[in-house]
């Protein structure tokens, strides 16, 4: 498994931007597909974005709620995955988690085997 640590969360006004980072330990980072999930108070953890492992060409996939506003990317040399969040809305307020998976096309929490501790994102109106 890979150990993950998120950073970059904070408070921002609606319409603003944040970039989350997720640093991974271990030499197998490039072999994992990576995802970002989020969980708002009282709600289930939901999928936000996914990027394939390096061998798949790094293909990306987004939930409808973030498509066009969020961009996931990875830097295998730095063992880091990013989530650039633009045009933020109050409904984006949540704890954001990065996660790693070996499940092809996996997009549910159960498909991901390693998780970070989460970083809080708060968007004020």
N, C-alpha and C. Protein backbone atom coordinates (compact mmCIF):
# COMPACT_ATOMS: atom_id res chain seq x y z
N UNK A 1 0.83 -1.19 0.00
CA UNK A 1 0.00 0.00 0.00
C UNK A 1 0.87 1.25 0.00
N UNK A 2 0.23 2.36 -0.26
CA UNK A 2 0.92 3.64 -0.31
C UNK A 2 0.34 4.55 0.77
N UNK A 3 1.20 5.33 1.41
CA UNK A 3 0.73 6.28 2.43
C UNK A 3 0.53 7.65 1.77
N UNK A 4 -0.58 8.31 2.14
CA UNK A 4 -0.99 9.54 1.48
C UNK A 4 -1.20 10.66 2.49
N UNK A 5 -0.75 11.86 2.15
CA UNK A 5 -0.94 13.02 3.02
C UNK A 5 -1.40 14.20 2.16
N UNK A 6 -2.61 14.69 2.47
CA UNK A 6 -3.17 15.83 1.74
C UNK A 6 -2.76 17.15 2.37
N UNK A 7 -2.77 18.19 1.56
CA UNK A 7 -2.54 19.55 2.05
C UNK A 7 -3.18 20.52 1.07
N UNK A 8 -3.27 21.79 1.49
CA UNK A 8 -3.78 22.82 0.60
C UNK A 8 -5.20 23.27 0.84
N UNK A 9 -5.87 22.63 1.79
CA UNK A 9 -7.23 23.05 2.09
C UNK A 9 -7.25 24.41 2.79
N UNK A 10 -8.44 24.96 2.93
CA UNK A 10 -8.58 26.25 3.60
C UNK A 10 -9.95 26.83 3.35
N UNK A 11 -10.05 28.11 3.63
CA UNK A 11 -11.30 28.83 3.46
C UNK A 11 -11.16 29.81 2.30
N UNK A 12 -12.18 29.85 1.46
CA UNK A 12 -12.15 30.71 0.28
C UNK A 12 -13.56 31.21 0.00
N UNK A 13 -13.67 32.36 -0.62
CA UNK A 13 -14.99 32.87 -1.00
C UNK A 13 -15.46 32.20 -2.29
N UNK A 14 -16.76 32.19 -2.45
CA UNK A 14 -17.34 31.63 -3.67
C UNK A 14 -16.73 32.31 -4.90
N UNK A 15 -16.42 31.49 -5.89
CA UNK A 15 -15.78 31.98 -7.10
C UNK A 15 -14.27 31.89 -7.07
N UNK A 16 -13.72 31.61 -5.90
CA UNK A 16 -12.28 31.53 -5.74
C UNK A 16 -11.73 30.18 -6.13
N UNK A 17 -10.42 30.02 -5.90
CA UNK A 17 -9.72 28.80 -6.29
C UNK A 17 -8.85 28.29 -5.16
N UNK A 18 -8.63 26.99 -5.17
CA UNK A 18 -7.68 26.34 -4.27
C UNK A 18 -7.02 25.21 -5.04
N UNK A 19 -5.80 24.87 -4.65
CA UNK A 19 -5.15 23.68 -5.19
C UNK A 19 -4.77 22.76 -4.06
N UNK A 20 -5.32 21.57 -4.10
CA UNK A 20 -4.99 20.54 -3.12
C UNK A 20 -3.84 19.69 -3.64
N UNK A 21 -3.00 19.26 -2.72
CA UNK A 21 -1.91 18.36 -3.05
C UNK A 21 -2.02 17.10 -2.20
N UNK A 22 -1.53 16.01 -2.74
CA UNK A 22 -1.51 14.75 -2.02
C UNK A 22 -0.16 14.10 -2.27
N UNK A 23 0.66 14.04 -1.23
CA UNK A 23 1.98 13.45 -1.33
C UNK A 23 1.93 11.98 -0.93
N UNK A 24 2.53 11.15 -1.76
CA UNK A 24 2.51 9.71 -1.53
C UNK A 24 3.90 9.21 -1.19
N UNK A 25 3.94 8.25 -0.30
CA UNK A 25 5.21 7.60 0.02
C UNK A 25 5.31 6.31 -0.76
N UNK A 26 6.51 5.81 -0.91
CA UNK A 26 6.68 4.54 -1.61
C UNK A 26 7.11 4.72 -3.05
N UNK A 27 7.69 3.67 -3.60
CA UNK A 27 8.23 3.73 -4.95
C UNK A 27 7.27 3.19 -5.99
N UNK A 28 6.03 2.86 -5.57
CA UNK A 28 5.07 2.30 -6.51
C UNK A 28 3.97 3.28 -6.88
N UNK A 29 4.15 4.55 -6.56
CA UNK A 29 3.10 5.55 -6.78
C UNK A 29 2.60 5.53 -8.21
N UNK A 30 3.51 5.46 -9.18
CA UNK A 30 3.11 5.56 -10.58
C UNK A 30 2.26 4.37 -11.04
N UNK A 31 2.25 3.30 -10.27
CA UNK A 31 1.47 2.13 -10.65
C UNK A 31 0.02 2.20 -10.18
N UNK A 32 -0.31 3.21 -9.39
CA UNK A 32 -1.67 3.38 -8.87
C UNK A 32 -2.43 4.42 -9.68
N UNK A 33 -3.72 4.16 -9.88
CA UNK A 33 -4.62 5.23 -10.24
C UNK A 33 -4.97 5.99 -8.96
N UNK A 34 -5.17 7.30 -9.09
CA UNK A 34 -5.41 8.14 -7.92
C UNK A 34 -6.75 8.84 -8.04
N UNK A 35 -7.38 9.06 -6.91
CA UNK A 35 -8.67 9.73 -6.92
C UNK A 35 -8.79 10.75 -5.82
N UNK A 36 -9.71 11.66 -6.01
CA UNK A 36 -10.11 12.60 -4.98
C UNK A 36 -11.59 12.37 -4.67
N UNK A 37 -11.88 12.30 -3.39
CA UNK A 37 -13.25 12.18 -2.90
C UNK A 37 -13.51 13.33 -1.95
N UNK A 38 -14.78 13.55 -1.63
CA UNK A 38 -15.11 14.57 -0.65
C UNK A 38 -16.29 14.12 0.18
N UNK A 39 -16.35 14.64 1.39
CA UNK A 39 -17.43 14.29 2.30
C UNK A 39 -17.87 15.52 3.07
N UNK A 40 -19.11 15.91 2.85
CA UNK A 40 -19.70 17.03 3.57
C UNK A 40 -20.37 16.51 4.83
N UNK A 41 -20.56 17.36 5.84
CA UNK A 41 -21.18 16.92 7.09
C UNK A 41 -22.55 16.28 6.85
N UNK A 42 -22.74 15.12 7.42
CA UNK A 42 -24.02 14.43 7.30
C UNK A 42 -24.26 13.74 5.98
N UNK A 43 -23.26 13.74 5.11
CA UNK A 43 -23.41 13.12 3.79
C UNK A 43 -22.39 12.01 3.59
N UNK A 44 -22.67 11.16 2.63
CA UNK A 44 -21.74 10.10 2.30
C UNK A 44 -20.54 10.65 1.52
N UNK A 45 -19.45 9.90 1.60
CA UNK A 45 -18.27 10.26 0.83
C UNK A 45 -18.58 10.08 -0.65
N UNK A 46 -18.24 11.09 -1.46
CA UNK A 46 -18.57 11.03 -2.88
C UNK A 46 -17.33 11.23 -3.74
N UNK A 47 -17.37 10.60 -4.89
CA UNK A 47 -16.29 10.68 -5.86
C UNK A 47 -16.26 12.07 -6.49
N UNK A 48 -15.04 12.61 -6.69
CA UNK A 48 -14.89 13.89 -7.38
C UNK A 48 -14.09 13.74 -8.66
N UNK A 49 -12.93 13.09 -8.59
CA UNK A 49 -12.07 13.01 -9.77
C UNK A 49 -11.13 11.82 -9.66
N UNK A 50 -10.67 11.37 -10.81
CA UNK A 50 -9.78 10.23 -10.87
C UNK A 50 -8.79 10.44 -12.01
N UNK A 51 -7.55 9.98 -11.79
CA UNK A 51 -6.56 9.99 -12.86
C UNK A 51 -5.92 8.62 -12.91
N UNK A 52 -5.76 8.12 -14.10
CA UNK A 52 -5.22 6.78 -14.28
C UNK A 52 -3.74 6.70 -13.94
N UNK A 53 -3.28 5.46 -13.79
CA UNK A 53 -1.85 5.27 -13.55
C UNK A 53 -1.08 5.62 -14.80
N UNK A 54 0.22 5.77 -14.65
CA UNK A 54 1.02 6.30 -15.75
C UNK A 54 0.90 5.47 -17.01
N UNK A 55 0.84 4.16 -16.84
CA UNK A 55 0.78 3.30 -18.01
C UNK A 55 -0.49 3.44 -18.81
N UNK A 56 -1.53 4.01 -18.20
CA UNK A 56 -2.80 4.18 -18.92
C UNK A 56 -2.87 5.52 -19.62
N UNK A 57 -1.79 6.29 -19.55
CA UNK A 57 -1.80 7.60 -20.18
C UNK A 57 -2.35 8.69 -19.30
N UNK A 58 -2.62 8.33 -18.05
CA UNK A 58 -3.10 9.35 -17.12
C UNK A 58 -4.48 9.86 -17.45
N UNK A 59 -5.34 9.00 -17.96
CA UNK A 59 -6.69 9.42 -18.32
C UNK A 59 -7.44 9.92 -17.08
N UNK A 60 -8.29 10.90 -17.28
CA UNK A 60 -9.01 11.53 -16.18
C UNK A 60 -10.50 11.34 -16.30
N UNK A 61 -11.15 11.40 -15.16
CA UNK A 61 -12.61 11.28 -15.11
C UNK A 61 -13.11 12.13 -13.96
N UNK A 62 -14.25 12.79 -14.16
CA UNK A 62 -14.79 13.70 -13.15
C UNK A 62 -16.26 13.43 -12.90
N UNK A 63 -16.69 13.73 -11.69
CA UNK A 63 -18.12 13.69 -11.43
C UNK A 63 -18.77 14.88 -12.12
N UNK A 64 -20.04 14.78 -12.37
CA UNK A 64 -20.76 15.86 -13.04
C UNK A 64 -20.71 17.15 -12.22
N UNK A 65 -20.66 17.02 -10.91
CA UNK A 65 -20.73 18.20 -10.04
C UNK A 65 -19.45 19.04 -10.09
N UNK A 66 -18.34 18.46 -10.53
CA UNK A 66 -17.08 19.22 -10.56
C UNK A 66 -16.51 19.38 -11.97
N UNK A 67 -17.10 18.68 -12.92
CA UNK A 67 -16.59 18.72 -14.30
C UNK A 67 -16.58 20.14 -14.83
N UNK A 68 -15.47 20.52 -15.43
CA UNK A 68 -15.33 21.87 -15.98
C UNK A 68 -14.79 22.88 -14.99
N UNK A 69 -14.76 22.52 -13.70
CA UNK A 69 -14.25 23.44 -12.67
C UNK A 69 -13.00 22.90 -11.97
N UNK A 70 -12.93 21.59 -11.84
CA UNK A 70 -11.80 20.95 -11.15
C UNK A 70 -10.93 20.23 -12.17
N UNK A 71 -9.62 20.19 -11.89
CA UNK A 71 -8.67 19.47 -12.73
C UNK A 71 -7.75 18.63 -11.87
N UNK A 72 -7.71 17.34 -12.14
CA UNK A 72 -6.80 16.45 -11.44
C UNK A 72 -5.56 16.24 -12.30
N UNK A 73 -4.41 16.18 -11.64
CA UNK A 73 -3.16 15.94 -12.35
C UNK A 73 -2.21 15.21 -11.41
N UNK A 74 -1.13 14.68 -11.98
CA UNK A 74 -0.15 13.97 -11.15
C UNK A 74 1.26 14.26 -11.66
N UNK A 75 2.18 14.25 -10.72
CA UNK A 75 3.61 14.39 -11.03
C UNK A 75 4.30 13.19 -10.42
N UNK A 76 4.59 12.20 -11.24
CA UNK A 76 5.16 10.96 -10.72
C UNK A 76 6.57 11.17 -10.19
N UNK A 77 7.29 12.15 -10.70
CA UNK A 77 8.63 12.42 -10.20
C UNK A 77 8.60 12.93 -8.76
N UNK A 78 7.48 13.57 -8.41
CA UNK A 78 7.32 14.09 -7.05
C UNK A 78 6.38 13.25 -6.20
N UNK A 79 5.91 12.13 -6.76
CA UNK A 79 4.96 11.27 -6.02
C UNK A 79 3.78 12.09 -5.49
N UNK A 80 3.23 12.94 -6.32
CA UNK A 80 2.18 13.85 -5.87
C UNK A 80 1.04 13.91 -6.88
N UNK A 81 -0.17 13.97 -6.35
CA UNK A 81 -1.35 14.20 -7.17
C UNK A 81 -2.00 15.50 -6.71
N UNK A 82 -2.56 16.23 -7.66
CA UNK A 82 -3.11 17.55 -7.37
C UNK A 82 -4.59 17.60 -7.75
N UNK A 83 -5.29 18.52 -7.11
CA UNK A 83 -6.65 18.83 -7.52
C UNK A 83 -6.77 20.36 -7.55
N UNK A 84 -6.78 20.90 -8.76
CA UNK A 84 -6.99 22.33 -8.93
C UNK A 84 -8.49 22.60 -8.96
N UNK A 85 -8.96 23.44 -8.05
CA UNK A 85 -10.38 23.71 -7.92
C UNK A 85 -10.64 25.18 -8.22
N UNK A 86 -11.38 25.43 -9.27
CA UNK A 86 -11.73 26.79 -9.68
C UNK A 86 -13.24 27.01 -9.57
N UNK A 87 -13.63 28.27 -9.59
CA UNK A 87 -15.06 28.63 -9.53
C UNK A 87 -15.75 27.90 -8.39
N UNK A 88 -15.16 27.94 -7.23
CA UNK A 88 -15.69 27.20 -6.09
C UNK A 88 -17.05 27.73 -5.66
N UNK A 89 -17.87 26.81 -5.19
CA UNK A 89 -19.23 27.12 -4.74
C UNK A 89 -19.38 26.70 -3.28
N UNK A 90 -20.31 27.29 -2.55
CA UNK A 90 -20.52 26.86 -1.16
C UNK A 90 -20.80 25.37 -1.03
N UNK A 91 -21.44 24.79 -2.02
CA UNK A 91 -21.73 23.34 -1.96
C UNK A 91 -20.49 22.48 -2.18
N UNK A 92 -19.34 23.08 -2.49
CA UNK A 92 -18.09 22.34 -2.55
C UNK A 92 -17.46 22.16 -1.17
N UNK A 93 -18.04 22.80 -0.16
CA UNK A 93 -17.53 22.69 1.20
C UNK A 93 -17.57 21.23 1.67
N UNK A 94 -16.42 20.72 2.08
CA UNK A 94 -16.32 19.32 2.48
C UNK A 94 -14.89 19.04 2.95
N UNK A 95 -14.70 17.86 3.52
CA UNK A 95 -13.36 17.33 3.72
C UNK A 95 -13.00 16.57 2.45
N UNK A 96 -11.83 16.88 1.92
CA UNK A 96 -11.37 16.26 0.67
C UNK A 96 -10.30 15.23 0.99
N UNK A 97 -10.47 14.05 0.39
CA UNK A 97 -9.56 12.94 0.61
C UNK A 97 -8.94 12.51 -0.71
N UNK A 98 -7.66 12.20 -0.71
CA UNK A 98 -7.10 11.52 -1.86
C UNK A 98 -6.98 10.04 -1.53
N UNK A 99 -6.97 9.23 -2.57
CA UNK A 99 -6.96 7.79 -2.39
C UNK A 99 -6.29 7.13 -3.59
N UNK A 100 -5.83 5.91 -3.37
CA UNK A 100 -5.12 5.16 -4.40
C UNK A 100 -5.83 3.84 -4.67
N UNK A 101 -5.81 3.41 -5.91
CA UNK A 101 -6.48 2.17 -6.29
C UNK A 101 -5.73 1.44 -7.39
N UNK A 102 -5.91 0.11 -7.37
CA UNK A 102 -5.47 -0.72 -8.48
C UNK A 102 -6.65 -1.28 -9.26
N UNK A 103 -7.86 -0.83 -8.91
CA UNK A 103 -9.07 -1.32 -9.58
C UNK A 103 -9.28 -0.54 -10.87
N UNK A 104 -9.30 -1.23 -12.01
CA UNK A 104 -9.52 -0.53 -13.28
C UNK A 104 -10.85 0.21 -13.29
N UNK A 105 -10.80 1.48 -13.61
CA UNK A 105 -11.99 2.32 -13.74
C UNK A 105 -12.77 2.50 -12.44
N UNK A 106 -12.16 2.11 -11.31
CA UNK A 106 -12.85 2.22 -10.03
C UNK A 106 -13.15 3.67 -9.68
N UNK A 107 -14.37 3.91 -9.20
CA UNK A 107 -14.78 5.27 -8.82
C UNK A 107 -15.62 5.29 -7.55
N UNK A 108 -15.72 4.16 -6.86
CA UNK A 108 -16.43 4.16 -5.58
C UNK A 108 -15.42 4.04 -4.46
N UNK A 109 -15.78 4.51 -3.25
CA UNK A 109 -14.82 4.43 -2.14
C UNK A 109 -14.28 3.01 -1.91
N UNK A 110 -15.13 2.01 -2.09
CA UNK A 110 -14.71 0.64 -1.88
C UNK A 110 -13.67 0.15 -2.86
N UNK A 111 -13.50 0.86 -3.97
CA UNK A 111 -12.49 0.47 -4.97
C UNK A 111 -11.09 0.93 -4.58
N UNK A 112 -10.99 1.82 -3.59
CA UNK A 112 -9.72 2.44 -3.24
C UNK A 112 -9.20 1.84 -1.94
N UNK A 113 -7.93 1.48 -1.94
CA UNK A 113 -7.35 0.74 -0.82
C UNK A 113 -6.54 1.60 0.14
N UNK A 114 -6.06 2.75 -0.29
CA UNK A 114 -5.26 3.62 0.57
C UNK A 114 -5.88 5.01 0.58
N UNK A 115 -5.91 5.62 1.77
CA UNK A 115 -6.57 6.91 1.95
C UNK A 115 -5.68 7.85 2.76
N UNK A 116 -5.77 9.13 2.45
CA UNK A 116 -5.18 10.14 3.29
C UNK A 116 -6.10 10.51 4.44
N UNK A 117 -5.64 11.44 5.25
CA UNK A 117 -6.40 11.83 6.44
C UNK A 117 -7.45 12.89 6.14
N UNK A 118 -7.36 13.52 4.98
CA UNK A 118 -8.33 14.52 4.58
C UNK A 118 -7.87 15.94 4.86
N UNK A 119 -8.38 16.87 4.07
CA UNK A 119 -8.12 18.29 4.27
C UNK A 119 -9.42 19.06 4.08
N UNK A 120 -9.68 20.01 4.97
CA UNK A 120 -10.96 20.72 4.96
C UNK A 120 -10.94 21.85 3.93
N UNK A 121 -11.99 21.91 3.15
CA UNK A 121 -12.22 23.02 2.22
C UNK A 121 -13.55 23.67 2.59
N UNK A 122 -13.52 24.97 2.85
CA UNK A 122 -14.73 25.71 3.20
C UNK A 122 -14.90 26.87 2.24
N UNK A 123 -16.06 26.92 1.59
CA UNK A 123 -16.35 27.97 0.61
C UNK A 123 -17.49 28.81 1.17
N UNK A 124 -17.23 30.08 1.38
CA UNK A 124 -18.25 30.98 1.93
C UNK A 124 -18.95 31.72 0.80
N UNK A 125 -20.21 32.04 1.06
CA UNK A 125 -21.01 32.73 0.04
C UNK A 125 -20.87 34.23 0.15
